[in-house]
Amino acid sequence: MSATILNSRFIVVPGWKNSGPLHWQSSWANSLPNVSRVYQENWQEPQLEKWLEGLNNAIEASTTPAILIAHSLGCITATHWVKRNLKSGRVKGLFLVAPADIERANAPKEISQFAPILKERIPVPTHVIASTNDPFCQLDRAKTFAKHWEASLTILPDAFHINAESGHQTWNEGKVLLYRFTEEVSRLVA
């Protein structure tokens, strides 16, 4: 493990209904150095302001600026937080996996109130990982998000929602992408 990884701070940001024990986020929360995890009062009935408060608490508890490792609705929460806290300096990168398209026609009402999706540049290095067949975000939409956010993009073939149900438990390939991104962030913010 590189010195950059060992010296980085990570915060895991789960999505709607949390990431269970078999989810890659849970595996990473138990295996990465200097990692913490966002906890929400209510994972089943998300409310944007409450979720932003939970994320803010995790960020404020960090002793150094962190890279957020978000999944699904956690990605959208992270973008809202960064937009509202542009100058805080508390977050140095966003690693966004399978962002949920909360604006899609069939989006559950529980998550649609997180709209609108940010349509401008995110002011910290950002990397989006999307799947060619994610049922919760069409690939074209994920590409549009990455373009608006001026984020780098990795597209995984047939990875569905990149969660435990799609076979992404320890997801070592994703960890390699995270390590590369962390090295890039380190160069950009040094």
N, C-alpha and C. Protein backbone atom coordinates (compact mmCIF):
# COMPACT_ATOMS: atom_id res chain seq x y z
N MET A 1 0.84 -1.18 0.00
CA MET A 1 0.00 0.00 0.00
C MET A 1 0.89 1.24 0.00
N SER A 2 0.57 2.19 -0.86
CA SER A 2 1.42 3.36 -1.01
C SER A 2 1.29 4.31 0.18
N ALA A 3 2.29 5.17 0.32
CA ALA A 3 2.28 6.18 1.38
C ALA A 3 1.10 7.13 1.20
N THR A 4 0.73 7.41 -0.07
CA THR A 4 -0.41 8.30 -0.32
C THR A 4 -1.68 7.72 0.27
N ILE A 5 -1.90 6.42 0.07
CA ILE A 5 -3.09 5.77 0.63
C ILE A 5 -3.03 5.79 2.15
N LEU A 6 -1.88 5.45 2.69
CA LEU A 6 -1.74 5.40 4.15
C LEU A 6 -1.93 6.76 4.80
N ASN A 7 -1.64 7.83 4.06
CA ASN A 7 -1.77 9.18 4.61
C ASN A 7 -3.07 9.86 4.24
N SER A 8 -3.93 9.18 3.51
CA SER A 8 -5.20 9.76 3.10
C SER A 8 -6.30 9.44 4.11
N ARG A 9 -7.29 10.31 4.15
CA ARG A 9 -8.46 10.11 5.00
C ARG A 9 -9.64 9.82 4.08
N PHE A 10 -10.43 8.79 4.41
CA PHE A 10 -11.57 8.39 3.60
C PHE A 10 -12.84 8.40 4.45
N ILE A 11 -13.94 8.80 3.82
CA ILE A 11 -15.25 8.71 4.47
C ILE A 11 -16.18 7.97 3.52
N VAL A 12 -16.73 6.86 3.98
CA VAL A 12 -17.66 6.06 3.20
C VAL A 12 -19.07 6.65 3.36
N VAL A 13 -19.72 6.91 2.21
CA VAL A 13 -21.04 7.55 2.19
C VAL A 13 -22.03 6.59 1.53
N PRO A 14 -22.73 5.76 2.32
CA PRO A 14 -23.70 4.82 1.73
C PRO A 14 -24.91 5.52 1.13
N GLY A 15 -25.63 4.77 0.33
CA GLY A 15 -26.85 5.26 -0.29
C GLY A 15 -28.09 4.81 0.46
N TRP A 16 -29.21 4.92 -0.24
CA TRP A 16 -30.52 4.59 0.33
C TRP A 16 -30.50 3.17 0.89
N LYS A 17 -31.01 3.00 2.07
CA LYS A 17 -31.12 1.73 2.79
C LYS A 17 -29.78 1.20 3.31
N ASN A 18 -28.73 2.05 3.22
CA ASN A 18 -27.42 1.72 3.76
C ASN A 18 -26.74 0.64 2.90
N SER A 19 -25.52 0.38 3.16
CA SER A 19 -24.76 -0.69 2.49
C SER A 19 -24.58 -1.81 3.49
N GLY A 20 -25.18 -2.95 3.21
CA GLY A 20 -25.15 -4.08 4.13
C GLY A 20 -23.77 -4.69 4.31
N PRO A 21 -23.68 -5.73 5.13
CA PRO A 21 -22.38 -6.31 5.46
C PRO A 21 -21.66 -6.95 4.27
N LEU A 22 -22.37 -7.31 3.21
CA LEU A 22 -21.72 -7.91 2.05
C LEU A 22 -21.36 -6.89 0.96
N HIS A 23 -21.75 -5.65 1.15
CA HIS A 23 -21.51 -4.58 0.17
C HIS A 23 -20.04 -4.19 0.20
N TRP A 24 -19.49 -3.82 -0.94
CA TRP A 24 -18.09 -3.40 -1.02
C TRP A 24 -17.79 -2.23 -0.09
N GLN A 25 -18.76 -1.32 0.12
CA GLN A 25 -18.50 -0.20 1.02
C GLN A 25 -18.22 -0.69 2.45
N SER A 26 -18.94 -1.71 2.88
CA SER A 26 -18.70 -2.27 4.22
C SER A 26 -17.33 -2.93 4.27
N SER A 27 -16.97 -3.65 3.22
CA SER A 27 -15.65 -4.28 3.16
C SER A 27 -14.55 -3.22 3.23
N TRP A 28 -14.71 -2.16 2.45
CA TRP A 28 -13.70 -1.10 2.44
C TRP A 28 -13.64 -0.37 3.77
N ALA A 29 -14.79 -0.17 4.40
CA ALA A 29 -14.82 0.51 5.71
C ALA A 29 -14.04 -0.28 6.75
N ASN A 30 -13.94 -1.59 6.53
CA ASN A 30 -13.19 -2.46 7.45
C ASN A 30 -11.75 -2.69 7.04
N SER A 31 -11.36 -2.27 5.83
CA SER A 31 -10.02 -2.61 5.36
C SER A 31 -9.14 -1.42 4.98
N LEU A 32 -9.73 -0.29 4.67
CA LEU A 32 -8.91 0.88 4.31
C LEU A 32 -8.32 1.52 5.56
N PRO A 33 -7.16 2.11 5.43
CA PRO A 33 -6.62 2.86 6.57
C PRO A 33 -7.35 4.20 6.69
N ASN A 34 -7.39 4.75 7.88
CA ASN A 34 -7.93 6.09 8.09
C ASN A 34 -9.31 6.28 7.46
N VAL A 35 -10.22 5.39 7.78
CA VAL A 35 -11.55 5.44 7.18
C VAL A 35 -12.61 5.57 8.27
N SER A 36 -13.66 6.30 7.94
CA SER A 36 -14.85 6.35 8.79
C SER A 36 -16.05 6.21 7.87
N ARG A 37 -17.20 6.09 8.47
CA ARG A 37 -18.42 5.83 7.70
C ARG A 37 -19.53 6.77 8.19
N VAL A 38 -20.30 7.27 7.26
CA VAL A 38 -21.44 8.12 7.59
C VAL A 38 -22.55 7.24 8.15
N TYR A 39 -23.14 7.70 9.22
CA TYR A 39 -24.32 7.04 9.78
C TYR A 39 -25.49 8.00 9.72
N GLN A 40 -26.63 7.49 9.30
CA GLN A 40 -27.85 8.29 9.21
C GLN A 40 -28.87 7.76 10.20
N GLU A 41 -29.69 8.66 10.71
CA GLU A 41 -30.76 8.25 11.63
C GLU A 41 -31.76 7.33 10.95
N ASN A 42 -32.06 7.62 9.69
CA ASN A 42 -33.09 6.88 9.00
C ASN A 42 -32.63 6.55 7.59
N TRP A 43 -32.22 5.31 7.37
CA TRP A 43 -31.76 4.87 6.06
C TRP A 43 -32.93 4.57 5.13
N GLN A 44 -34.10 4.25 5.67
CA GLN A 44 -35.25 3.82 4.87
C GLN A 44 -36.03 4.99 4.28
N GLU A 45 -36.10 6.09 5.04
CA GLU A 45 -36.86 7.26 4.60
C GLU A 45 -35.93 8.47 4.59
N PRO A 46 -35.08 8.56 3.57
CA PRO A 46 -34.06 9.60 3.55
C PRO A 46 -34.67 10.99 3.39
N GLN A 47 -34.09 11.92 4.10
CA GLN A 47 -34.44 13.34 3.97
C GLN A 47 -33.14 14.09 3.71
N LEU A 48 -33.11 14.89 2.67
CA LEU A 48 -31.88 15.54 2.25
C LEU A 48 -31.21 16.29 3.39
N GLU A 49 -31.94 17.13 4.10
CA GLU A 49 -31.30 17.94 5.14
C GLU A 49 -30.73 17.07 6.26
N LYS A 50 -31.42 16.04 6.64
CA LYS A 50 -30.91 15.12 7.67
C LYS A 50 -29.68 14.38 7.17
N TRP A 51 -29.71 13.94 5.92
CA TRP A 51 -28.56 13.22 5.37
C TRP A 51 -27.35 14.15 5.23
N LEU A 52 -27.60 15.39 4.85
CA LEU A 52 -26.49 16.35 4.79
C LEU A 52 -25.90 16.58 6.18
N GLU A 53 -26.75 16.61 7.18
CA GLU A 53 -26.28 16.76 8.57
C GLU A 53 -25.42 15.56 8.98
N GLY A 54 -25.87 14.35 8.64
CA GLY A 54 -25.09 13.15 8.96
C GLY A 54 -23.74 13.16 8.27
N LEU A 55 -23.74 13.55 6.99
CA LEU A 55 -22.49 13.64 6.24
C LEU A 55 -21.59 14.72 6.84
N ASN A 56 -22.16 15.85 7.16
CA ASN A 56 -21.39 16.95 7.74
C ASN A 56 -20.75 16.52 9.07
N ASN A 57 -21.49 15.79 9.87
CA ASN A 57 -20.93 15.31 11.15
C ASN A 57 -19.70 14.44 10.92
N ALA A 58 -19.77 13.56 9.93
CA ALA A 58 -18.61 12.69 9.63
C ALA A 58 -17.43 13.51 9.10
N ILE A 59 -17.72 14.49 8.27
CA ILE A 59 -16.66 15.34 7.72
C ILE A 59 -16.03 16.17 8.83
N GLU A 60 -16.83 16.74 9.69
CA GLU A 60 -16.31 17.57 10.78
C GLU A 60 -15.51 16.75 11.79
N ALA A 61 -15.84 15.48 11.92
CA ALA A 61 -15.10 14.62 12.86
C ALA A 61 -13.73 14.22 12.33
N SER A 62 -13.52 14.40 11.03
CA SER A 62 -12.24 14.04 10.43
C SER A 62 -11.19 15.10 10.78
N THR A 63 -10.01 14.64 11.13
CA THR A 63 -8.94 15.56 11.51
C THR A 63 -8.25 16.20 10.31
N THR A 64 -8.43 15.62 9.13
CA THR A 64 -7.83 16.16 7.91
C THR A 64 -8.86 16.10 6.78
N PRO A 65 -8.66 16.89 5.70
CA PRO A 65 -9.57 16.80 4.56
C PRO A 65 -9.65 15.37 4.03
N ALA A 66 -10.83 14.97 3.61
CA ALA A 66 -11.08 13.58 3.26
C ALA A 66 -11.50 13.41 1.81
N ILE A 67 -11.36 12.20 1.33
CA ILE A 67 -11.95 11.76 0.06
C ILE A 67 -13.24 11.03 0.42
N LEU A 68 -14.36 11.47 -0.16
CA LEU A 68 -15.64 10.80 0.07
C LEU A 68 -15.77 9.66 -0.92
N ILE A 69 -16.11 8.48 -0.40
CA ILE A 69 -16.35 7.28 -1.22
C ILE A 69 -17.85 7.01 -1.15
N ALA A 70 -18.57 7.47 -2.17
CA ALA A 70 -20.03 7.44 -2.12
C ALA A 70 -20.61 6.43 -3.10
N HIS A 71 -21.80 5.92 -2.76
CA HIS A 71 -22.52 5.00 -3.63
C HIS A 71 -23.97 5.45 -3.76
N SER A 72 -24.49 5.42 -4.98
CA SER A 72 -25.89 5.60 -5.27
C SER A 72 -26.42 6.95 -4.75
N LEU A 73 -27.40 6.93 -3.85
CA LEU A 73 -27.94 8.18 -3.31
C LEU A 73 -26.88 8.91 -2.48
N GLY A 74 -25.91 8.19 -1.96
CA GLY A 74 -24.80 8.83 -1.26
C GLY A 74 -24.01 9.75 -2.19
N CYS A 75 -23.93 9.41 -3.48
CA CYS A 75 -23.25 10.28 -4.45
C CYS A 75 -23.97 11.62 -4.56
N ILE A 76 -25.29 11.56 -4.65
CA ILE A 76 -26.08 12.79 -4.79
C ILE A 76 -25.97 13.62 -3.52
N THR A 77 -25.99 12.95 -2.37
CA THR A 77 -25.82 13.65 -1.10
C THR A 77 -24.46 14.36 -1.06
N ALA A 78 -23.42 13.66 -1.49
CA ALA A 78 -22.07 14.24 -1.48
C ALA A 78 -21.98 15.46 -2.38
N THR A 79 -22.61 15.41 -3.55
CA THR A 79 -22.55 16.58 -4.45
C THR A 79 -23.30 17.77 -3.85
N HIS A 80 -24.43 17.50 -3.19
CA HIS A 80 -25.14 18.60 -2.50
C HIS A 80 -24.26 19.21 -1.42
N TRP A 81 -23.58 18.36 -0.65
CA TRP A 81 -22.74 18.87 0.44
C TRP A 81 -21.62 19.75 -0.11
N VAL A 82 -20.94 19.28 -1.15
CA VAL A 82 -19.83 20.04 -1.72
C VAL A 82 -20.33 21.37 -2.29
N LYS A 83 -21.47 21.35 -2.95
CA LYS A 83 -22.03 22.59 -3.51
C LYS A 83 -22.30 23.61 -2.40
N ARG A 84 -22.83 23.17 -1.29
CA ARG A 84 -23.16 24.08 -0.18
C ARG A 84 -21.94 24.52 0.62
N ASN A 85 -20.87 23.77 0.52
CA ASN A 85 -19.68 24.03 1.35
C ASN A 85 -18.44 24.22 0.48
N LEU A 86 -18.60 24.99 -0.59
CA LEU A 86 -17.55 25.15 -1.59
C LEU A 86 -16.19 25.52 -0.99
N LYS A 87 -16.19 26.37 -0.02
CA LYS A 87 -14.93 26.91 0.47
C LYS A 87 -14.44 26.27 1.77
N SER A 88 -15.06 25.20 2.18
CA SER A 88 -14.72 24.63 3.48
C SER A 88 -13.33 24.00 3.52
N GLY A 89 -12.89 23.44 2.38
CA GLY A 89 -11.59 22.76 2.35
C GLY A 89 -11.59 21.44 3.10
N ARG A 90 -12.75 20.96 3.54
CA ARG A 90 -12.85 19.73 4.34
C ARG A 90 -12.91 18.47 3.49
N VAL A 91 -13.21 18.62 2.20
CA VAL A 91 -13.27 17.48 1.29
C VAL A 91 -12.29 17.75 0.15
N LYS A 92 -11.43 16.76 -0.14
CA LYS A 92 -10.45 16.99 -1.20
C LYS A 92 -10.70 16.15 -2.45
N GLY A 93 -11.73 15.31 -2.43
CA GLY A 93 -12.06 14.53 -3.61
C GLY A 93 -13.34 13.74 -3.42
N LEU A 94 -14.00 13.47 -4.55
CA LEU A 94 -15.22 12.65 -4.54
C LEU A 94 -15.02 11.45 -5.44
N PHE A 95 -15.23 10.26 -4.89
CA PHE A 95 -15.16 9.00 -5.62
C PHE A 95 -16.60 8.49 -5.63
N LEU A 96 -17.30 8.68 -6.76
CA LEU A 96 -18.74 8.48 -6.85
C LEU A 96 -19.06 7.23 -7.67
N VAL A 97 -19.61 6.22 -7.00
CA VAL A 97 -19.88 4.94 -7.64
C VAL A 97 -21.38 4.76 -7.84
N ALA A 98 -21.77 4.52 -9.08
CA ALA A 98 -23.18 4.26 -9.44
C ALA A 98 -24.12 5.33 -8.91
N PRO A 99 -23.91 6.60 -9.32
CA PRO A 99 -24.81 7.65 -8.83
C PRO A 99 -26.24 7.35 -9.24
N ALA A 100 -27.16 7.55 -8.30
CA ALA A 100 -28.58 7.29 -8.57
C ALA A 100 -29.16 8.45 -9.37
N ASP A 101 -29.90 8.11 -10.41
CA ASP A 101 -30.61 9.15 -11.17
C ASP A 101 -31.94 9.40 -10.48
N ILE A 102 -31.93 10.34 -9.57
CA ILE A 102 -33.12 10.64 -8.78
C ILE A 102 -34.16 11.41 -9.58
N GLU A 103 -33.79 11.84 -10.79
CA GLU A 103 -34.72 12.58 -11.64
C GLU A 103 -35.38 11.70 -12.69
N ARG A 104 -35.07 10.40 -12.69
CA ARG A 104 -35.67 9.51 -13.69
C ARG A 104 -37.17 9.38 -13.44
N ALA A 105 -37.90 9.03 -14.47
CA ALA A 105 -39.36 8.98 -14.40
C ALA A 105 -39.87 8.03 -13.33
N ASN A 106 -39.19 6.91 -13.12
CA ASN A 106 -39.66 5.92 -12.16
C ASN A 106 -38.92 5.98 -10.82
N ALA A 107 -38.29 7.11 -10.52
CA ALA A 107 -37.57 7.23 -9.25
C ALA A 107 -38.54 7.15 -8.08
N PRO A 108 -38.22 6.35 -7.07
CA PRO A 108 -39.10 6.28 -5.89
C PRO A 108 -39.22 7.66 -5.25
N LYS A 109 -40.40 7.96 -4.74
CA LYS A 109 -40.62 9.29 -4.14
C LYS A 109 -39.70 9.52 -2.95
N GLU A 110 -39.26 8.45 -2.29
CA GLU A 110 -38.37 8.60 -1.14
C GLU A 110 -37.05 9.26 -1.51
N ILE A 111 -36.61 9.08 -2.75
CA ILE A 111 -35.33 9.67 -3.15
C ILE A 111 -35.47 10.85 -4.10
N SER A 112 -36.62 10.99 -4.74
CA SER A 112 -36.79 12.06 -5.72
C SER A 112 -36.71 13.44 -5.07
N GLN A 113 -36.94 13.53 -3.77
CA GLN A 113 -36.85 14.84 -3.12
C GLN A 113 -35.40 15.30 -2.94
N PHE A 114 -34.42 14.49 -3.36
CA PHE A 114 -33.02 14.92 -3.36
C PHE A 114 -32.69 15.73 -4.62
N ALA A 115 -33.67 15.85 -5.54
CA ALA A 115 -33.48 16.64 -6.76
C ALA A 115 -33.44 18.13 -6.39
N PRO A 116 -32.81 18.91 -7.24
CA PRO A 116 -32.23 18.57 -8.53
C PRO A 116 -30.80 18.06 -8.40
N ILE A 117 -30.38 17.32 -9.40
CA ILE A 117 -29.00 16.88 -9.49
C ILE A 117 -28.14 18.07 -9.91
N LEU A 118 -27.02 18.23 -9.27
CA LEU A 118 -26.10 19.32 -9.58
C LEU A 118 -25.70 19.28 -11.05
N LYS A 119 -25.76 20.43 -11.69
CA LYS A 119 -25.45 20.52 -13.12
C LYS A 119 -24.32 21.51 -13.36
N GLU A 120 -23.33 21.49 -12.49
CA GLU A 120 -22.17 22.37 -12.66
C GLU A 120 -20.92 21.67 -12.14
N ARG A 121 -19.79 22.30 -12.40
CA ARG A 121 -18.49 21.75 -12.02
C ARG A 121 -18.41 21.55 -10.51
N ILE A 122 -17.90 20.41 -10.10
CA ILE A 122 -17.59 20.17 -8.70
C ILE A 122 -16.17 20.68 -8.48
N PRO A 123 -15.97 21.51 -7.46
CA PRO A 123 -14.68 22.19 -7.32
C PRO A 123 -13.55 21.37 -6.70
N VAL A 124 -13.73 20.08 -6.56
CA VAL A 124 -12.66 19.19 -6.10
C VAL A 124 -12.54 18.05 -7.11
N PRO A 125 -11.38 17.39 -7.18
CA PRO A 125 -11.25 16.26 -8.11
C PRO A 125 -12.37 15.24 -7.86
N THR A 126 -12.98 14.81 -8.95
CA THR A 126 -14.12 13.90 -8.87
C THR A 126 -13.98 12.80 -9.90
N HIS A 127 -14.28 11.57 -9.47
CA HIS A 127 -14.26 10.43 -10.38
C HIS A 127 -15.59 9.69 -10.26
N VAL A 128 -16.25 9.45 -11.38
CA VAL A 128 -17.52 8.74 -11.43
C VAL A 128 -17.27 7.36 -12.02
N ILE A 129 -17.87 6.35 -11.39
CA ILE A 129 -17.83 4.99 -11.92
C ILE A 129 -19.27 4.59 -12.20
N ALA A 130 -19.53 4.23 -13.45
CA ALA A 130 -20.89 3.89 -13.88
C ALA A 130 -20.88 2.53 -14.57
N SER A 131 -22.05 1.96 -14.67
CA SER A 131 -22.23 0.66 -15.32
C SER A 131 -23.04 0.82 -16.60
N THR A 132 -22.78 -0.06 -17.54
CA THR A 132 -23.54 -0.02 -18.80
C THR A 132 -24.99 -0.43 -18.63
N ASN A 133 -25.32 -1.10 -17.52
CA ASN A 133 -26.70 -1.58 -17.36
C ASN A 133 -27.23 -1.35 -15.94
N ASP A 134 -26.90 -0.21 -15.37
CA ASP A 134 -27.41 0.13 -14.04
C ASP A 134 -28.91 0.43 -14.15
N PRO A 135 -29.76 -0.30 -13.43
CA PRO A 135 -31.20 -0.05 -13.53
C PRO A 135 -31.62 1.27 -12.89
N PHE A 136 -30.74 1.89 -12.12
CA PHE A 136 -31.09 3.12 -11.42
C PHE A 136 -30.44 4.36 -12.03
N CYS A 137 -29.70 4.15 -13.12
CA CYS A 137 -29.10 5.29 -13.83
C CYS A 137 -28.63 4.83 -15.20
N GLN A 138 -29.30 5.29 -16.23
CA GLN A 138 -28.89 4.97 -17.60
C GLN A 138 -27.49 5.50 -17.84
N LEU A 139 -26.71 4.80 -18.65
CA LEU A 139 -25.33 5.19 -18.92
C LEU A 139 -25.24 6.61 -19.47
N ASP A 140 -26.15 6.98 -20.38
CA ASP A 140 -26.12 8.34 -20.93
C ASP A 140 -26.27 9.39 -19.84
N ARG A 141 -27.10 9.10 -18.85
CA ARG A 141 -27.28 10.05 -17.74
C ARG A 141 -26.01 10.13 -16.90
N ALA A 142 -25.39 8.99 -16.62
CA ALA A 142 -24.14 8.99 -15.85
C ALA A 142 -23.07 9.79 -16.59
N LYS A 143 -23.01 9.63 -17.90
CA LYS A 143 -22.05 10.41 -18.70
C LYS A 143 -22.36 11.91 -18.60
N THR A 144 -23.65 12.26 -18.62
CA THR A 144 -24.05 13.66 -18.48
C THR A 144 -23.65 14.21 -17.12
N PHE A 145 -23.86 13.42 -16.06
CA PHE A 145 -23.44 13.86 -14.72
C PHE A 145 -21.94 14.15 -14.72
N ALA A 146 -21.16 13.21 -15.23
CA ALA A 146 -19.70 13.37 -15.23
C ALA A 146 -19.29 14.61 -16.01
N LYS A 147 -19.97 14.85 -17.13
CA LYS A 147 -19.66 16.04 -17.93
C LYS A 147 -19.97 17.32 -17.15
N HIS A 148 -21.16 17.39 -16.56
CA HIS A 148 -21.52 18.58 -15.77
C HIS A 148 -20.55 18.80 -14.62
N TRP A 149 -20.19 17.72 -13.95
CA TRP A 149 -19.33 17.82 -12.76
C TRP A 149 -17.85 17.96 -13.12
N GLU A 150 -17.52 17.86 -14.43
CA GLU A 150 -16.13 17.87 -14.90
C GLU A 150 -15.32 16.79 -14.19
N ALA A 151 -15.93 15.62 -14.15
CA ALA A 151 -15.35 14.46 -13.47
C ALA A 151 -14.76 13.49 -14.47
N SER A 152 -13.74 12.76 -14.05
CA SER A 152 -13.26 11.65 -14.87
C SER A 152 -14.30 10.53 -14.73
N LEU A 153 -14.31 9.63 -15.69
CA LEU A 153 -15.36 8.60 -15.74
C LEU A 153 -14.76 7.25 -16.10
N THR A 154 -15.15 6.23 -15.33
CA THR A 154 -14.85 4.84 -15.66
C THR A 154 -16.18 4.14 -15.89
N ILE A 155 -16.28 3.41 -16.99
CA ILE A 155 -17.51 2.68 -17.31
C ILE A 155 -17.22 1.19 -17.19
N LEU A 156 -18.01 0.52 -16.35
CA LEU A 156 -17.88 -0.93 -16.16
C LEU A 156 -18.95 -1.64 -16.98
N PRO A 157 -18.58 -2.63 -17.78
CA PRO A 157 -19.59 -3.36 -18.54
C PRO A 157 -20.40 -4.30 -17.65
N ASP A 158 -21.71 -4.23 -17.81
CA ASP A 158 -22.63 -5.17 -17.17
C ASP A 158 -22.39 -5.33 -15.66
N ALA A 159 -22.19 -4.25 -14.96
CA ALA A 159 -21.94 -4.29 -13.51
C ALA A 159 -23.18 -3.94 -12.70
N PHE A 160 -24.31 -3.74 -13.39
CA PHE A 160 -25.58 -3.38 -12.75
C PHE A 160 -25.39 -2.19 -11.80
N HIS A 161 -25.81 -2.28 -10.55
CA HIS A 161 -25.75 -1.12 -9.65
C HIS A 161 -24.48 -1.12 -8.79
N ILE A 162 -23.53 -1.94 -9.15
CA ILE A 162 -22.22 -2.02 -8.49
C ILE A 162 -22.42 -2.11 -6.96
N ASN A 163 -23.15 -3.15 -6.57
CA ASN A 163 -23.44 -3.37 -5.15
C ASN A 163 -23.29 -4.86 -4.84
N ALA A 164 -23.64 -5.26 -3.64
CA ALA A 164 -23.50 -6.66 -3.24
C ALA A 164 -24.32 -7.59 -4.14
N GLU A 165 -25.53 -7.14 -4.49
CA GLU A 165 -26.41 -7.97 -5.32
C GLU A 165 -25.83 -8.24 -6.70
N SER A 166 -24.98 -7.34 -7.18
CA SER A 166 -24.37 -7.54 -8.50
C SER A 166 -23.00 -8.20 -8.40
N GLY A 167 -22.65 -8.69 -7.20
CA GLY A 167 -21.41 -9.42 -7.02
C GLY A 167 -20.22 -8.57 -6.63
N HIS A 168 -20.45 -7.35 -6.20
CA HIS A 168 -19.37 -6.44 -5.82
C HIS A 168 -19.28 -6.37 -4.29
N GLN A 169 -18.66 -7.42 -3.72
CA GLN A 169 -18.53 -7.47 -2.26
C GLN A 169 -17.22 -6.84 -1.81
N THR A 170 -16.09 -7.49 -2.04
CA THR A 170 -14.82 -6.86 -1.68
C THR A 170 -14.39 -5.88 -2.78
N TRP A 171 -14.74 -6.15 -3.99
CA TRP A 171 -14.53 -5.32 -5.17
C TRP A 171 -13.12 -4.75 -5.22
N ASN A 172 -12.17 -5.64 -5.35
CA ASN A 172 -10.76 -5.25 -5.40
C ASN A 172 -10.43 -4.40 -6.63
N GLU A 173 -11.13 -4.63 -7.75
CA GLU A 173 -10.90 -3.80 -8.94
C GLU A 173 -11.26 -2.35 -8.65
N GLY A 174 -12.33 -2.16 -7.88
CA GLY A 174 -12.72 -0.80 -7.48
C GLY A 174 -11.69 -0.16 -6.58
N LYS A 175 -11.10 -0.97 -5.72
CA LYS A 175 -10.06 -0.44 -4.82
C LYS A 175 -8.86 0.05 -5.62
N VAL A 176 -8.52 -0.65 -6.71
CA VAL A 176 -7.43 -0.20 -7.57
C VAL A 176 -7.78 1.17 -8.16
N LEU A 177 -9.03 1.34 -8.60
CA LEU A 177 -9.46 2.64 -9.12
C LEU A 177 -9.38 3.72 -8.04
N LEU A 178 -9.77 3.37 -6.82
CA LEU A 178 -9.67 4.32 -5.71
C LEU A 178 -8.22 4.71 -5.47
N TYR A 179 -7.32 3.75 -5.47
CA TYR A 179 -5.91 4.04 -5.23
C TYR A 179 -5.37 4.99 -6.30
N ARG A 180 -5.72 4.73 -7.55
CA ARG A 180 -5.28 5.62 -8.64
C ARG A 180 -5.84 7.02 -8.45
N PHE A 181 -7.12 7.09 -8.10
CA PHE A 181 -7.75 8.39 -7.88
C PHE A 181 -7.09 9.12 -6.71
N THR A 182 -6.78 8.40 -5.64
CA THR A 182 -6.14 9.01 -4.48
C THR A 182 -4.78 9.59 -4.85
N GLU A 183 -4.04 8.87 -5.67
CA GLU A 183 -2.74 9.38 -6.15
C GLU A 183 -2.93 10.66 -6.96
N GLU A 184 -3.96 10.67 -7.82
CA GLU A 184 -4.26 11.85 -8.64
C GLU A 184 -4.64 13.03 -7.74
N VAL A 185 -5.50 12.79 -6.77
CA VAL A 185 -5.90 13.86 -5.84
C VAL A 185 -4.69 14.42 -5.13
N SER A 186 -3.81 13.53 -4.70
CA SER A 186 -2.61 13.95 -4.00
C SER A 186 -1.75 14.88 -4.87
N ARG A 187 -1.63 14.57 -6.16
CA ARG A 187 -0.87 15.42 -7.08
C ARG A 187 -1.56 16.77 -7.29
N LEU A 188 -2.89 16.74 -7.42
CA LEU A 188 -3.64 17.95 -7.75
C LEU A 188 -3.77 18.92 -6.58
N VAL A 189 -3.85 18.41 -5.38
CA VAL A 189 -4.05 19.30 -4.23
C VAL A 189 -2.79 19.53 -3.42
N ALA A 190 -1.68 19.00 -3.90
CA ALA A 190 -0.41 19.18 -3.17
C ALA A 190 0.09 20.60 -3.26
